[in-house]
Amino acid sequence: MSTTLSRVRAAHARIDAVDRPEIWIDLRPRDEAEAEARTIDARVARGEHLPLAGRLLAVKGNIDVAGLPTTAGCPAYAYRPAADAPVVARLRAAGALVLGTTNLDQFATGLVGTRSPHGAVRGAVDPTRVSGGSSSGSAVAVALGIADLALGTDTAGSGRVPAAFNGVVGLKPTRGLVPTDGVVPACASLDCVTVFARTLPEAELAMAHMTTGTPAALPGRTPGPWRVAVPPLAQLGELDPGWAQAYEAAAERLAAAGAELRPLDLTPFTEAAAMLYEGAFVAERYTAVGSFVDTLLEKGGEGLDPTVTAIITRARDIPAHRLFADQERLAALRTRALAELSDADALLLPTTPGHPTLAEVAADPLGANARLGRFTNSTNLFDLAAVAAPAGAVDGLPFGVMLIGPAFTDERLARIAALLQPQAYLAVVGAHLTGQPLNPQLLSLGAALDRTTTTAAVYRLHALDTTPAKPGLVHVGEGGAPIEVEVWRLPTAGLGGLLASLPRPMALGRVELADGSDVPGFLCEPGALTDAEDITRHGGWRSYLNAR
């Protein structure tokens, strides 16, 4: 059975098994999806390069998918788009297959995932908890293993809060990097299209196909150690039990991976966050869909969520002078915030202060939602980039953190976020050593130098005839010698990618170190050593190069 077709069938079996109908607004007809899967498989079989072939995609219901209605979570608003939104078209062009459109907080107004006539989307791990919004269905579809990738939007945190609550990765790009054409706006000047995936490399692969052009050039930066700003716990406010400890553990994990932690005053960030809904900026939500809501209210308001309706209609009467005053205040806060970030590569924060139950949100819909945006609301107001990543669990529930940085530092943030993922060690003896031609490969994967040591005295080193020049390390047992080696620490996923791209005659095996431990490392196939010079007497590749 072909790969994409089998995955579509497995996804539908999974949809039936999890029995979470509230995830979806519209699923594509199964025969239509299977026909497209056969086409993708045939194209791959003909040798066509489709980097996302076999990946199944869920799309938030406020993003256009040709053939399905765009509803933004309001059935009366539905229209049938003539074409895919550009971001959907780009992923499909790379081989992704759309399963359907997902549920959301109506008109992308909310961080809870409960404000929908299609029903509240329950958390993937604990169905008594909210899934987070507004991109609720998208995050849960990925977390439950139905979709590989999912699109959401993020104005105030809608692509990061549900990522945190459901234990998946959420990338919120710099504003403008990903087109928002074909997206029903929430606040058009702030909206971003985001992507969910179960791993950071998968999310980055999708984002690479979503972006427009090349990010703006940033000042040069010497690779590592990363500088991560960490505010004092007192400035985080009240957190759910265990969350402060989980946050501190994430910071300690970054420090153990080589990052330099430094303090930061969080005040300008939290003050700006409160302005998003308490100030005049919420008026833009009325600009987006206010006239439609007013008209539907005149007809009885069927299908409108009462909380969303109250937020949008209340924004109608905000006077223009308040907007100008808020813009002036925001500019001052942004200047302070960027000054705080000026000597850091990223700001580390819990994605939210806690994870409420469905009952808690029902009892206080506005208060619970406002609390969830404490750390996320200011990001787009300040024109920052962000990555939301899993960082462990508290009482069996996913705990997530955000890394936030200036515009166009998206890739940098991802490299730092990778340090939070499971780590592996790698021993290198040649072209990947510090200062050697292939060392940037390690740095690009978020690797950090752990230590310099030697192997056990059971290896011999040979100079290979390759470009760039590199040695071959081979295990000989008796008659070997200690060889200088660097041990690097890098994300496990990065090690897998490095292995997949490793050219022959190099191979990955276990390298025994002088202290008796062993780690994965680069070795050489013995057959490649026939005409290679034995340089063991130099004790290492750098010594050989210096002598030569």
Protein backbone atom coordinates (compact mmCIF):
# COMPACT_ATOMS: atom_id res chain seq x y z
CA MET A 1 0.00 0.00 0.00
CA SER A 2 1.38 3.42 -0.91
CA THR A 3 2.63 5.65 1.88
CA THR A 4 0.33 8.66 1.58
CA LEU A 5 -2.74 6.53 0.94
CA SER A 6 -2.01 4.31 3.92
CA ARG A 7 -1.54 7.35 6.12
CA VAL A 8 -4.87 8.85 5.04
CA ARG A 9 -6.60 5.60 5.90
CA ALA A 10 -4.78 5.41 9.23
CA ALA A 11 -5.80 8.99 10.00
CA HIS A 12 -9.47 8.21 9.43
CA ALA A 13 -9.17 5.15 11.62
CA ARG A 14 -7.63 7.36 14.27
CA ILE A 15 -10.44 9.92 13.92
CA ASP A 16 -12.96 7.14 14.60
CA ALA A 17 -10.91 5.78 17.51
CA VAL A 18 -10.44 9.03 19.44
CA ASP A 19 -14.09 10.06 18.95
CA ARG A 20 -13.45 13.80 19.17
CA PRO A 21 -15.92 15.25 16.65
CA GLU A 22 -15.48 18.74 18.13
CA ILE A 23 -11.99 18.92 16.58
CA TRP A 24 -13.38 19.38 13.09
CA ILE A 25 -15.66 21.78 11.28
CA ASP A 26 -15.43 20.00 7.92
CA LEU A 27 -13.55 16.86 6.88
CA ARG A 28 -12.87 16.38 3.20
CA PRO A 29 -14.79 13.48 1.67
CA ARG A 30 -12.70 10.39 2.30
CA ASP A 31 -12.74 9.23 -1.35
CA GLU A 32 -11.51 12.67 -2.44
CA ALA A 33 -8.63 12.59 0.05
CA GLU A 34 -7.69 9.07 -0.96
CA ALA A 35 -7.71 10.02 -4.66
CA GLU A 36 -5.33 12.89 -3.94
CA ALA A 37 -3.15 10.54 -1.87
CA ARG A 38 -2.84 8.19 -4.85
CA THR A 39 -1.82 11.10 -7.03
CA ILE A 40 0.87 12.21 -4.56
CA ASP A 41 2.23 8.66 -4.34
CA ALA A 42 2.32 8.38 -8.13
CA ARG A 43 4.23 11.65 -8.43
CA VAL A 44 6.79 10.48 -5.88
CA ALA A 45 7.11 7.15 -7.70
CA ARG A 46 7.92 9.06 -10.91
CA GLY A 47 10.81 10.73 -9.09
CA GLU A 48 9.18 14.08 -8.37
CA HIS A 49 10.63 15.85 -5.33
CA LEU A 50 7.83 16.51 -2.82
CA PRO A 51 9.48 17.26 0.55
CA LEU A 52 6.19 17.05 2.46
CA ALA A 53 4.82 13.97 0.70
CA GLY A 54 2.88 11.83 3.14
CA ARG A 55 2.37 14.63 5.68
CA LEU A 56 -1.28 15.11 6.63
CA LEU A 57 -2.41 18.67 7.24
CA ALA A 58 -5.26 20.13 9.29
CA VAL A 59 -6.25 23.75 8.64
CA LYS A 60 -7.87 26.15 11.08
CA GLY A 61 -11.40 27.05 10.00
CA ASN A 62 -10.60 30.72 9.34
CA ILE A 63 -8.07 29.86 6.59
CA ASP A 64 -9.30 29.19 3.04
CA VAL A 65 -9.22 25.64 1.71
CA ALA A 66 -10.63 25.20 -1.78
CA GLY A 67 -13.67 22.93 -1.78
CA LEU A 68 -14.52 23.51 1.89
CA PRO A 69 -16.45 26.41 3.46
CA THR A 70 -14.52 28.99 5.47
CA THR A 71 -16.62 29.69 8.56
CA ALA A 72 -14.28 31.22 11.17
CA GLY A 73 -16.34 29.20 13.64
CA CYS A 74 -19.62 30.89 12.71
CA PRO A 75 -21.86 28.88 10.32
CA ALA A 76 -23.76 31.99 9.17
CA TYR A 77 -20.47 33.58 8.06
CA ALA A 78 -19.55 30.69 5.77
CA TYR A 79 -18.33 31.28 2.23
CA ARG A 80 -16.75 28.95 -0.32
CA PRO A 81 -13.31 30.16 -1.40
CA ALA A 82 -12.34 29.79 -5.04
CA ALA A 83 -8.78 28.85 -4.13
CA ASP A 84 -6.58 27.79 -1.25
CA ALA A 85 -5.03 30.51 0.89
CA PRO A 86 -1.41 30.96 -0.31
CA VAL A 87 -0.03 29.29 2.83
CA VAL A 88 -2.21 26.22 2.22
CA ALA A 89 -1.30 26.18 -1.47
CA ARG A 90 2.42 26.23 -0.64
CA LEU A 91 2.21 23.26 1.70
CA ARG A 92 0.11 21.30 -0.79
CA ALA A 93 2.59 22.11 -3.54
CA ALA A 94 5.28 20.51 -1.37
CA GLY A 95 3.19 17.34 -1.05
CA ALA A 96 1.09 17.85 2.08
CA LEU A 97 -2.48 16.55 1.99
CA VAL A 98 -5.33 18.46 3.67
CA LEU A 99 -7.61 16.34 5.84
CA GLY A 100 -10.09 19.09 6.71
CA THR A 101 -10.75 22.33 8.58
CA THR A 102 -10.63 22.54 12.36
CA ASN A 103 -12.70 24.11 15.10
CA LEU A 104 -11.66 27.37 16.77
CA ASP A 105 -12.75 30.08 19.15
CA GLN A 106 -15.22 31.97 16.97
CA PHE A 107 -13.61 34.64 14.77
CA ALA A 108 -10.29 33.65 16.39
CA THR A 109 -11.34 35.55 19.51
CA GLY A 110 -10.18 33.64 22.56
CA LEU A 111 -7.40 31.59 24.12
CA VAL A 112 -9.61 28.86 25.58
CA GLY A 113 -11.00 26.77 22.70
CA THR A 114 -14.55 26.74 24.11
CA ARG A 115 -16.15 29.65 22.24
CA SER A 116 -17.65 27.78 19.32
CA PRO A 117 -21.11 26.64 18.20
CA HIS A 118 -19.39 23.40 17.13
CA GLY A 119 -18.62 22.65 20.77
CA ALA A 120 -15.73 23.14 23.14
CA VAL A 121 -12.55 21.42 22.02
CA ARG A 122 -11.31 19.36 24.96
CA GLY A 123 -7.65 18.97 25.88
CA ALA A 124 -5.81 16.12 24.21
CA VAL A 125 -4.41 14.72 27.47
CA ASP A 126 -7.17 15.55 29.96
CA PRO A 127 -10.62 16.09 28.40
CA THR A 128 -11.80 17.95 31.51
CA ARG A 129 -9.33 20.74 30.65
CA VAL A 130 -9.56 23.31 27.89
CA SER A 131 -7.51 22.72 24.76
CA GLY A 132 -6.47 26.36 24.46
CA GLY A 133 -7.48 28.66 21.65
CA SER A 134 -8.20 30.00 19.34
CA SER A 135 -6.46 27.35 17.20
CA SER A 136 -7.90 24.59 19.35
CA GLY A 137 -8.84 21.92 16.83
CA SER A 138 -5.57 22.24 14.95
CA ALA A 139 -3.41 21.66 18.02
CA VAL A 140 -5.48 18.71 19.25
CA ALA A 141 -5.52 17.07 15.79
CA VAL A 142 -1.71 17.03 15.89
CA ALA A 143 -1.45 16.04 19.55
CA LEU A 144 -3.75 13.04 19.06
CA GLY A 145 -1.74 11.79 16.10
CA ILE A 146 -4.38 12.44 13.44
CA ALA A 147 -2.51 15.14 11.51
CA ASP A 148 1.25 15.56 11.18
CA LEU A 149 0.99 19.32 10.68
CA ALA A 150 -1.71 21.88 11.34
CA LEU A 151 -2.16 25.54 10.55
CA GLY A 152 -3.43 28.00 13.11
CA THR A 153 -3.37 31.73 13.58
CA ASP A 154 -1.87 33.79 16.38
CA THR A 155 -2.88 37.32 17.26
CA ALA A 156 -2.67 37.20 21.05
CA GLY A 157 -1.26 33.71 21.58
CA SER A 158 -3.67 31.51 19.65
CA GLY A 159 -0.86 29.50 18.07
CA ARG A 160 1.13 29.11 21.28
CA VAL A 161 -1.39 28.51 24.10
CA PRO A 162 -2.92 25.40 22.50
CA ALA A 163 0.57 24.13 21.65
CA ALA A 164 1.50 24.33 25.33
CA PHE A 165 -1.71 22.71 26.59
CA ASN A 166 -1.44 19.77 24.21
CA GLY A 167 2.30 19.09 24.30
CA VAL A 168 3.17 20.05 20.71
CA VAL A 169 5.42 22.62 19.05
CA GLY A 170 3.97 25.92 17.82
CA LEU A 171 5.94 28.33 15.62
CA LYS A 172 4.70 31.93 15.53
CA PRO A 173 6.70 33.65 12.81
CA THR A 174 7.71 37.27 12.53
CA ARG A 175 4.79 39.28 11.18
CA GLY A 176 4.90 39.36 7.39
CA LEU A 177 7.06 36.26 6.87
CA VAL A 178 3.99 34.13 6.16
CA PRO A 179 1.18 35.59 4.01
CA THR A 180 -2.20 36.11 5.65
CA ASP A 181 -4.14 36.36 2.37
CA GLY A 182 -7.12 34.04 2.48
CA VAL A 183 -7.33 34.29 6.27
CA VAL A 184 -10.39 35.78 8.00
CA PRO A 185 -8.80 38.55 10.07
CA ALA A 186 -9.04 38.90 13.82
CA CYS A 187 -6.80 41.98 14.05
CA ALA A 188 -5.34 42.31 10.56
CA SER A 189 -2.31 44.35 11.63
CA LEU A 190 -1.30 41.71 14.21
CA ASP A 191 -2.39 38.37 12.75
CA CYS A 192 0.14 35.62 11.97
CA VAL A 193 -0.36 32.18 10.45
CA THR A 194 1.31 29.57 12.65
CA VAL A 195 2.15 25.88 12.35
CA PHE A 196 1.81 22.99 14.82
CA ALA A 197 3.85 19.77 14.75
CA ARG A 198 4.86 17.08 17.19
CA THR A 199 8.56 17.85 16.77
CA LEU A 200 10.56 21.01 16.16
CA PRO A 201 12.24 19.73 12.95
CA GLU A 202 8.82 18.90 11.46
CA ALA A 203 7.48 22.35 12.33
CA GLU A 204 10.56 24.03 10.85
CA LEU A 205 10.29 22.00 7.65
CA ALA A 206 6.72 23.14 7.17
CA MET A 207 7.55 26.74 8.03
CA ALA A 208 10.30 26.77 5.42
CA HIS A 209 7.63 26.18 2.76
CA MET A 210 5.21 28.71 4.27
CA THR A 211 7.44 31.77 4.32
CA THR A 212 7.64 34.52 1.73
CA GLY A 213 11.08 35.46 0.44
CA THR A 214 14.11 35.74 2.67
CA PRO A 215 14.02 37.14 6.23
CA ALA A 216 15.58 40.55 6.72
CA ALA A 217 19.29 40.47 7.45
CA LEU A 218 20.28 40.58 11.10
CA PRO A 219 23.55 41.78 12.55
CA GLY A 220 26.13 39.02 12.59
CA ARG A 221 26.28 36.90 15.71
CA THR A 222 29.02 34.55 16.83
CA PRO A 223 27.49 31.09 17.35
CA GLY A 224 26.88 30.23 21.02
CA PRO A 225 26.70 30.42 23.86
CA TRP A 226 23.11 31.56 23.58
CA ARG A 227 22.05 34.38 25.88
CA VAL A 228 18.62 33.78 27.38
CA ALA A 229 16.76 36.36 29.46
CA VAL A 230 14.88 35.00 32.48
CA PRO A 231 12.69 37.32 34.59
CA PRO A 232 12.47 36.90 38.37
CA LEU A 233 9.71 34.56 39.49
CA ALA A 234 8.01 37.37 41.40
CA GLN A 235 7.26 39.13 38.09
CA LEU A 236 5.49 36.11 36.63
CA GLY A 237 2.56 36.55 39.00
CA GLU A 238 0.44 33.68 40.29
CA LEU A 239 1.16 30.37 38.56
CA ASP A 240 -0.58 27.02 38.88
CA PRO A 241 0.96 24.66 41.47
CA GLY A 242 4.20 23.16 40.17
CA TRP A 243 4.51 25.55 37.23
CA ALA A 244 7.20 27.77 38.77
CA GLN A 245 9.34 24.70 39.42
CA ALA A 246 8.78 23.43 35.87
CA TYR A 247 9.75 26.84 34.49
CA GLU A 248 12.92 26.96 36.58
CA ALA A 249 13.76 23.44 35.44
CA ALA A 250 13.46 24.54 31.79
CA ALA A 251 15.80 27.46 32.45
CA GLU A 252 18.26 25.14 34.18
CA ARG A 253 18.10 22.79 31.21
CA LEU A 254 19.09 25.62 28.89
CA ALA A 255 21.93 26.57 31.21
CA ALA A 256 23.14 22.97 31.35
CA ALA A 257 23.12 22.95 27.54
CA GLY A 258 25.49 25.93 27.52
CA ALA A 259 23.14 28.92 27.43
CA GLU A 260 23.96 31.99 29.52
CA LEU A 261 21.01 33.08 31.64
CA ARG A 262 20.59 36.75 32.48
CA PRO A 263 17.89 38.75 34.29
CA LEU A 264 15.20 40.82 32.58
CA ASP A 265 12.50 43.22 33.78
CA LEU A 266 9.23 41.77 32.48
CA THR A 267 7.15 44.85 33.35
CA PRO A 268 6.90 46.38 29.84
CA PHE A 269 5.80 43.02 28.44
CA THR A 270 3.02 42.44 30.96
CA GLU A 271 1.82 46.06 30.82
CA ALA A 272 1.53 45.86 27.02
CA ALA A 273 -0.21 42.48 27.27
CA ALA A 274 -3.00 44.04 29.33
CA MET A 275 -3.52 46.71 26.65
CA LEU A 276 -4.53 44.24 23.94
CA TYR A 277 -8.05 43.75 25.26
CA GLU A 278 -8.33 46.44 27.94
CA GLY A 279 -7.21 49.24 25.60
CA ALA A 280 -8.28 50.50 22.20
CA PHE A 281 -6.50 47.90 20.07
CA VAL A 282 -9.47 45.57 20.40
CA ALA A 283 -11.33 47.98 18.08
CA GLU A 284 -9.60 46.27 15.16
CA ARG A 285 -11.65 43.16 15.88
CA TYR A 286 -14.77 45.20 15.18
CA THR A 287 -13.18 46.42 11.94
CA ALA A 288 -12.71 42.80 10.88
CA VAL A 289 -16.20 41.34 11.42
CA GLY A 290 -18.17 43.90 13.41
CA SER A 291 -20.67 44.84 10.70
CA PHE A 292 -21.41 41.18 10.04
CA VAL A 293 -22.00 40.57 13.76
CA ASP A 294 -24.30 43.60 14.03
CA THR A 295 -26.34 42.44 11.04
CA LEU A 296 -26.63 38.91 12.38
CA LEU A 297 -27.70 40.25 15.79
CA GLU A 298 -30.52 42.15 14.12
CA LYS A 299 -31.71 38.79 12.75
CA GLY A 300 -31.58 37.10 16.14
CA GLY A 301 -27.87 36.30 16.43
CA GLU A 302 -28.19 32.56 15.80
CA GLY A 303 -24.80 30.83 15.90
CA LEU A 304 -22.96 33.71 17.57
CA ASP A 305 -20.95 32.94 20.69
CA PRO A 306 -22.13 35.35 23.40
CA THR A 307 -18.66 36.01 24.83
CA VAL A 308 -17.15 36.70 21.41
CA THR A 309 -20.12 38.85 20.47
CA ALA A 310 -19.75 40.96 23.61
CA ILE A 311 -16.03 41.55 22.94
CA ILE A 312 -16.56 42.57 19.32
CA THR A 313 -19.62 44.78 19.82
CA ARG A 314 -18.11 46.52 22.84
CA ALA A 315 -15.17 47.50 20.64
CA ARG A 316 -17.51 49.41 18.30
CA ASP A 317 -17.73 52.47 20.52
CA ILE A 318 -14.06 52.97 21.46
CA PRO A 319 -13.20 56.60 20.60
CA ALA A 320 -10.35 57.27 18.15
CA HIS A 321 -8.42 59.41 20.64
CA ARG A 322 -7.97 56.36 22.89
CA LEU A 323 -6.33 54.47 20.05
CA PHE A 324 -3.78 57.25 19.47
CA ALA A 325 -3.06 57.46 23.17
CA ASP A 326 -2.59 53.70 23.38
CA GLN A 327 -0.29 53.71 20.34
CA GLU A 328 1.89 56.30 22.03
CA ARG A 329 2.02 54.31 25.24
CA LEU A 330 2.72 51.08 23.37
CA ALA A 331 5.64 52.68 21.52
CA ALA A 332 7.21 53.64 24.84
CA LEU A 333 6.68 50.16 26.26
CA ARG A 334 8.16 48.58 23.14
CA THR A 335 11.27 50.72 23.45
CA ARG A 336 11.69 49.55 27.04
CA ALA A 337 11.04 45.92 26.11
CA LEU A 338 13.57 45.90 23.27
CA ALA A 339 16.12 47.55 25.54
CA GLU A 340 15.60 44.73 28.02
CA LEU A 341 16.15 42.22 25.19
CA SER A 342 19.10 44.05 23.68
CA ASP A 343 21.79 41.85 25.26
CA ALA A 344 19.84 38.57 24.96
CA ASP A 345 19.05 36.23 22.08
CA ALA A 346 15.72 35.20 23.56
CA LEU A 347 13.32 35.66 26.44
CA LEU A 348 12.18 32.47 28.17
CA LEU A 349 8.66 32.46 29.63
CA PRO A 350 6.00 29.94 30.60
CA THR A 351 3.53 30.00 27.71
CA THR A 352 0.67 30.55 30.17
CA PRO A 353 0.30 30.93 33.95
CA GLY A 354 -1.80 27.76 34.20
CA HIS A 355 -4.17 25.28 32.55
CA PRO A 356 -7.83 25.77 33.53
CA THR A 357 -10.61 23.23 33.45
CA LEU A 358 -13.67 23.56 31.24
CA ALA A 359 -15.70 24.29 34.38
CA GLU A 360 -13.35 27.10 35.47
CA VAL A 361 -13.62 28.78 32.08
CA ALA A 362 -17.40 28.41 32.05
CA ALA A 363 -17.58 30.07 35.49
CA ASP A 364 -15.41 33.04 34.48
CA PRO A 365 -14.95 33.14 30.68
CA LEU A 366 -13.38 36.60 30.49
CA GLY A 367 -11.19 36.33 33.58
CA ALA A 368 -9.83 32.89 32.69
CA ASN A 369 -9.06 33.99 29.15
CA ALA A 370 -7.33 37.19 30.27
CA ARG A 371 -5.08 35.21 32.61
CA LEU A 372 -3.98 32.90 29.79
CA GLY A 373 -2.74 35.85 27.71
CA ARG A 374 -0.49 37.32 30.40
CA PHE A 375 2.71 36.27 28.61
CA THR A 376 1.51 35.94 25.00
CA ASN A 377 -0.53 39.09 24.34
CA SER A 378 2.39 41.47 23.92
CA THR A 379 4.36 39.48 21.33
CA ASN A 380 2.66 40.72 18.18
CA LEU A 381 2.08 44.19 19.62
CA PHE A 382 5.88 44.43 19.94
CA ASP A 383 6.47 42.76 16.53
CA LEU A 384 8.42 39.84 18.00
CA ALA A 385 8.89 36.23 16.90
CA ALA A 386 8.16 33.26 19.15
CA VAL A 387 8.51 29.50 19.46
CA ALA A 388 6.32 27.49 21.84
CA ALA A 389 7.87 24.18 22.86
CA PRO A 390 7.05 21.34 25.26
CA ALA A 391 9.14 21.47 28.44
CA GLY A 392 8.00 18.54 30.52
CA ALA A 393 4.86 17.88 32.54
CA VAL A 394 3.23 18.95 35.79
CA ASP A 395 0.89 16.47 37.47
CA GLY A 396 0.63 14.52 34.24
CA LEU A 397 -0.33 17.53 32.12
CA PRO A 398 1.90 19.05 29.41
CA PHE A 399 3.93 22.07 30.46
CA GLY A 400 5.17 24.42 27.76
CA VAL A 401 7.46 27.41 27.48
CA MET A 402 8.00 30.15 24.92
CA LEU A 403 11.16 31.62 23.52
CA ILE A 404 10.55 35.16 22.29
CA GLY A 405 12.95 37.34 20.32
CA PRO A 406 13.13 40.34 17.99
CA ALA A 407 11.62 40.21 14.52
CA PHE A 408 13.40 37.87 12.07
CA THR A 409 15.15 35.86 14.80
CA ASP A 410 12.84 32.91 14.05
CA GLU A 411 15.62 30.47 13.21
CA ARG A 412 17.68 31.57 16.19
CA LEU A 413 14.76 30.93 18.53
CA ALA A 414 14.28 27.48 17.08
CA ARG A 415 17.94 26.63 17.69
CA ILE A 416 17.60 27.62 21.33
CA ALA A 417 14.29 25.76 21.69
CA ALA A 418 16.06 22.65 20.40
CA LEU A 419 18.16 22.68 23.57
CA LEU A 420 15.00 21.88 25.53
CA GLN A 421 14.51 18.68 23.57
CA PRO A 422 16.16 15.33 24.43
CA GLN A 423 19.92 15.62 23.97
CA ALA A 424 22.49 13.30 22.46
CA TYR A 425 26.28 13.29 22.46
CA LEU A 426 28.56 13.03 19.44
CA ALA A 427 32.32 12.48 19.28
CA VAL A 428 34.14 14.15 16.37
CA VAL A 429 37.78 13.83 15.37
CA GLY A 430 38.19 15.76 12.11
CA ALA A 431 36.33 18.19 9.86
CA HIS A 432 33.61 18.77 12.48
CA LEU A 433 36.09 19.93 15.15
CA THR A 434 35.91 23.53 16.37
CA GLY A 435 37.22 25.81 13.63
CA GLN A 436 37.18 23.12 10.94
CA PRO A 437 35.14 23.36 7.70
CA LEU A 438 32.19 21.18 8.75
CA ASN A 439 31.83 22.54 12.29
CA PRO A 440 29.03 24.93 11.14
CA GLN A 441 26.89 21.83 10.49
CA LEU A 442 26.95 21.11 14.21
CA LEU A 443 26.31 24.72 15.16
CA SER A 444 23.33 24.92 12.81
CA LEU A 445 21.77 21.97 14.65
CA GLY A 446 22.05 23.75 17.99
CA ALA A 447 25.06 21.70 19.11
CA ALA A 448 27.30 22.89 21.95
CA LEU A 449 30.83 21.73 22.80
CA ASP A 450 30.73 19.57 25.93
CA ARG A 451 34.42 18.69 26.37
CA THR A 452 37.71 17.88 24.68
CA THR A 453 39.30 14.55 25.55
CA THR A 454 40.88 11.52 23.86
CA THR A 455 39.71 8.11 22.80
CA ALA A 456 40.81 4.95 24.53
CA ALA A 457 44.09 3.59 23.13
CA VAL A 458 42.35 1.27 20.68
CA TYR A 459 42.08 3.45 17.54
CA ARG A 460 44.19 4.50 14.58
CA LEU A 461 43.71 7.67 12.52
CA HIS A 462 44.18 7.99 8.74
CA ALA A 463 44.13 10.98 6.38
CA LEU A 464 41.47 10.43 3.71
CA ASP A 465 41.49 11.82 0.18
CA THR A 466 38.23 13.79 0.49
CA THR A 467 36.92 17.32 0.01
CA PRO A 468 37.00 18.89 2.49
CA ALA A 469 39.95 17.01 3.94
CA LYS A 470 38.99 14.72 6.80
CA PRO A 471 40.46 11.81 8.75
CA GLY A 472 39.16 8.30 9.18
CA LEU A 473 39.03 6.85 12.70
CA VAL A 474 39.08 3.06 12.86
CA HIS A 475 38.93 0.71 15.85
CA VAL A 476 41.88 -1.71 15.88
CA GLY A 477 42.06 -2.84 19.49
CA GLU A 478 45.63 -3.84 20.32
CA GLY A 479 48.12 -1.56 18.59
CA GLY A 480 45.92 1.51 18.82
CA ALA A 481 46.60 4.87 20.42
CA PRO A 482 44.62 7.68 22.10
CA ILE A 483 43.27 10.19 19.56
CA GLU A 484 42.09 13.73 20.37
CA VAL A 485 38.32 14.01 20.22
CA GLU A 486 35.69 16.68 20.90
CA VAL A 487 32.41 15.59 22.44
CA TRP A 488 29.45 17.73 21.35
CA ARG A 489 25.96 17.85 22.83
CA LEU A 490 23.07 18.30 20.37
CA PRO A 491 19.33 17.60 20.05
CA THR A 492 18.55 13.96 19.37
CA ALA A 493 16.59 14.89 16.25
CA GLY A 494 19.63 16.77 14.97
CA LEU A 495 21.81 13.70 15.38
CA GLY A 496 19.37 11.71 13.27
CA GLY A 497 19.48 14.32 10.53
CA LEU A 498 23.27 14.36 10.58
CA LEU A 499 23.39 10.60 10.24
CA ALA A 500 21.00 10.66 7.28
CA SER A 501 23.30 13.06 5.40
CA LEU A 502 26.58 11.31 6.30
CA PRO A 503 28.58 10.47 3.13
CA ARG A 504 30.50 7.25 2.75
CA PRO A 505 33.04 6.08 3.82
CA MET A 506 32.05 7.76 7.10
CA ALA A 507 29.78 5.89 9.50
CA LEU A 508 28.29 6.47 12.92
CA GLY A 509 29.30 4.05 15.66
CA ARG A 510 30.24 3.87 19.33
CA VAL A 511 33.52 5.58 20.22
CA GLU A 512 35.22 4.50 23.44
CA LEU A 513 36.70 7.41 25.39
CA ALA A 514 39.72 7.55 27.67
CA ASP A 515 37.57 7.43 30.81
CA GLY A 516 35.97 4.16 29.72
CA SER A 517 32.65 5.67 28.64
CA ASP A 518 31.45 5.52 25.04
CA VAL A 519 29.37 7.88 22.89
CA PRO A 520 28.20 7.92 19.26
CA GLY A 521 30.92 9.20 16.97
CA PHE A 522 32.25 9.35 13.43
CA LEU A 523 34.14 6.24 12.35
CA CYS A 524 35.45 5.12 8.97
CA GLU A 525 34.75 2.02 6.90
CA PRO A 526 37.99 -0.04 6.90
CA GLY A 527 37.82 -0.51 3.15
CA ALA A 528 38.49 3.18 2.59
CA LEU A 529 41.89 3.06 4.30
CA THR A 530 43.82 1.11 1.65
CA ASP A 531 45.79 4.10 0.29
CA ALA A 532 45.21 6.48 3.23
CA GLU A 533 48.18 7.76 5.22
CA ASP A 534 48.30 6.54 8.83
CA ILE A 535 48.64 9.70 10.95
CA THR A 536 48.08 8.10 14.37
CA ARG A 537 51.49 9.29 15.58
CA HIS A 538 50.23 12.90 15.59
CA GLY A 539 47.61 12.10 18.22
CA GLY A 540 44.84 13.97 16.44
CA TRP A 541 43.68 15.74 13.29
CA ARG A 542 44.62 19.26 14.41
CA SER A 543 48.16 18.19 15.33
CA TYR A 544 48.50 16.54 11.93
CA LEU A 545 47.33 19.70 10.13
CA ASN A 546 49.73 21.85 12.16
CA ALA A 547 52.65 19.54 11.41
CA ARG A 548 51.82 19.51 7.73
